[in-house]
C-alpha atoms as a PDB file:
ATOM      1  CA  UNK A   1      20.708 -10.226 -34.539  1.00  0.00           C
ATOM      2  CA  UNK A   2      21.864 -10.708 -31.938  1.00  0.00           C
ATOM      3  CA  UNK A   3      23.283  -8.306 -30.372  1.00  0.00           C
ATOM      4  CA  UNK A   4      20.212  -6.341 -30.903  1.00  0.00           C
ATOM      5  CA  UNK A   5      18.540  -8.540 -29.191  1.00  0.00           C
ATOM      6  CA  UNK A   6      20.720  -8.407 -25.839  1.00  0.00           C
ATOM      7  CA  UNK A   7      21.462  -4.365 -26.668  1.00  0.00           C
ATOM      8  CA  UNK A   8      17.434  -4.325 -26.039  1.00  0.00           C
ATOM      9  CA  UNK A   9      17.189  -6.608 -22.906  1.00  0.00           C
ATOM     10  CA  UNK A  10      20.676  -5.017 -21.332  1.00  0.00           C
ATOM     11  CA  UNK A  11      18.353  -1.557 -21.680  1.00  0.00           C
ATOM     12  CA  UNK A  12      15.531  -3.374 -20.238  1.00  0.00           C
ATOM     13  CA  UNK A  13      17.009  -4.428 -17.358  1.00  0.00           C
ATOM     14  CA  UNK A  14      18.724  -1.150 -16.591  1.00  0.00           C
ATOM     15  CA  UNK A  15      15.607   0.401 -16.984  1.00  0.00           C
ATOM     16  CA  UNK A  16      14.110  -1.809 -14.869  1.00  0.00           C
ATOM     17  CA  UNK A  17      16.740  -1.653 -11.702  1.00  0.00           C
ATOM     18  CA  UNK A  18      15.940   2.070 -12.201  1.00  0.00           C
ATOM     19  CA  UNK A  19      12.917   2.437 -11.251  1.00  0.00           C
ATOM     20  CA  UNK A  20      13.057  -0.402  -8.192  1.00  0.00           C
ATOM     21  CA  UNK A  21      15.534   2.694  -7.011  1.00  0.00           C
ATOM     22  CA  UNK A  22      13.506   5.174  -8.039  1.00  0.00           C
ATOM     23  CA  UNK A  23      10.124   3.680  -6.044  1.00  0.00           C
ATOM     24  CA  UNK A  24      12.449   2.521  -3.332  1.00  0.00           C
ATOM     25  CA  UNK A  25      14.119   6.171  -3.080  1.00  0.00           C
ATOM     26  CA  UNK A  26      10.552   7.929  -2.762  1.00  0.00           C
ATOM     27  CA  UNK A  27       9.337   5.099  -0.414  1.00  0.00           C
ATOM     28  CA  UNK A  28      12.173   5.532   1.719  1.00  0.00           C
ATOM     29  CA  UNK A  29      11.905   9.252   1.379  1.00  0.00           C
ATOM     30  CA  UNK A  30       7.867   9.536   2.920  1.00  0.00           C
ATOM     31  CA  UNK A  31       6.873  10.134  -0.645  1.00  0.00           C
ATOM     32  CA  UNK A  32       4.624   7.633  -1.894  1.00  0.00           C
ATOM     33  CA  UNK A  33       2.734   6.207   1.231  1.00  0.00           C
ATOM     34  CA  UNK A  34       0.585   2.750   1.926  1.00  0.00           C
ATOM     35  CA  UNK A  35      -1.398   3.091   4.787  1.00  0.00           C
ATOM     36  CA  UNK A  36      -3.894  -0.187   5.606  1.00  0.00           C
ATOM     37  CA  UNK A  37      -7.583   1.120   6.422  1.00  0.00           C
ATOM     38  CA  UNK A  38      -9.098  -0.993   9.110  1.00  0.00           C
ATOM     39  CA  UNK A  39     -12.455  -0.376  11.117  1.00  0.00           C
ATOM     40  CA  UNK A  40     -13.255  -1.478  14.307  1.00  0.00           C
ATOM     41  CA  UNK A  41     -16.567  -3.292  15.165  1.00  0.00           C
ATOM     42  CA  UNK A  42     -17.581  -4.613  18.633  1.00  0.00           C
ATOM     43  CA  UNK A  43     -20.833  -6.615  19.158  1.00  0.00           C
ATOM     44  CA  UNK A  44     -22.077  -7.141  22.819  1.00  0.00           C
ATOM     45  CA  UNK A  45     -24.528  -9.750  23.794  1.00  0.00           C
ATOM     46  CA  UNK A  46     -27.541  -9.196  26.666  1.00  0.00           C
ATOM     47  CA  UNK A  47     -29.949 -11.619  27.963  1.00  0.00           C
ATOM     48  CA  UNK A  48     -31.900 -11.062  31.027  1.00  0.00           C
ATOM     49  CA  UNK A  49     -29.741  -8.211  32.036  1.00  0.00           C
ATOM     50  CA  UNK A  50     -26.511 -10.345  31.877  1.00  0.00           C
ATOM     51  CA  UNK A  51     -24.007 -10.186  29.067  1.00  0.00           C
ATOM     52  CA  UNK A  52     -23.503 -13.970  27.570  1.00  0.00           C
ATOM     53  CA  UNK A  53     -21.112 -12.457  25.403  1.00  0.00           C
ATOM     54  CA  UNK A  54     -18.956  -9.562  24.177  1.00  0.00           C
ATOM     55  CA  UNK A  55     -16.713  -9.722  21.443  1.00  0.00           C
ATOM     56  CA  UNK A  56     -14.258  -7.642  19.515  1.00  0.00           C
ATOM     57  CA  UNK A  57     -12.491  -7.543  15.457  1.00  0.00           C
ATOM     58  CA  UNK A  58     -10.862  -5.623  12.873  1.00  0.00           C
ATOM     59  CA  UNK A  59     -12.610  -5.467   9.554  1.00  0.00           C
ATOM     60  CA  UNK A  60      -9.566  -4.902   7.277  1.00  0.00           C
ATOM     61  CA  UNK A  61     -10.899  -2.129   4.425  1.00  0.00           C
ATOM     62  CA  UNK A  62      -8.337  -2.374   2.315  1.00  0.00           C
ATOM     63  CA  UNK A  63      -5.125  -0.245   1.738  1.00  0.00           C
ATOM     64  CA  UNK A  64      -4.946   3.583   0.839  1.00  0.00           C
ATOM     65  CA  UNK A  65      -1.824   4.307  -1.741  1.00  0.00           C
ATOM     66  CA  UNK A  66      -0.916   8.319  -1.653  1.00  0.00           C
ATOM     67  CA  UNK A  67       1.961  10.146  -4.116  1.00  0.00           C
ATOM     68  CA  UNK A  68       2.676  13.139  -2.852  1.00  0.00           C
ATOM     69  CA  UNK A  69       4.078  14.957  -5.541  1.00  0.00           C
ATOM     70  CA  UNK A  70       4.480  18.713  -4.783  1.00  0.00           C
ATOM     71  CA  UNK A  71       3.329  20.264  -1.421  1.00  0.00           C
ATOM     72  CA  UNK A  72       0.041  19.224  -1.026  1.00  0.00           C
ATOM     73  CA  UNK A  73      -0.738  17.368  -4.512  1.00  0.00           C
ATOM     74  CA  UNK A  74      -1.798  13.954  -3.952  1.00  0.00           C
ATOM     75  CA  UNK A  75      -2.741  11.293  -7.297  1.00  0.00           C
ATOM     76  CA  UNK A  76      -4.732   8.064  -5.229  1.00  0.00           C
ATOM     77  CA  UNK A  77      -7.977   7.155  -3.177  1.00  0.00           C
END
């Protein structure tokens, strides 16, 4: 019984390592891409014709995840 458990554990570990290796390979070759989506904002307060305060900031909208399986086939948002 212990050999079945050890065999199953070892097979699962090897499958996990292979999947991690494939993921790294695809990311390094550009088949998988993860991009940040940000939106730039600015605020200007004008009082009596003069600029009183201004500030700029960027808002993180999320991440875009793309998988390029074929030439122009994308899966994701």
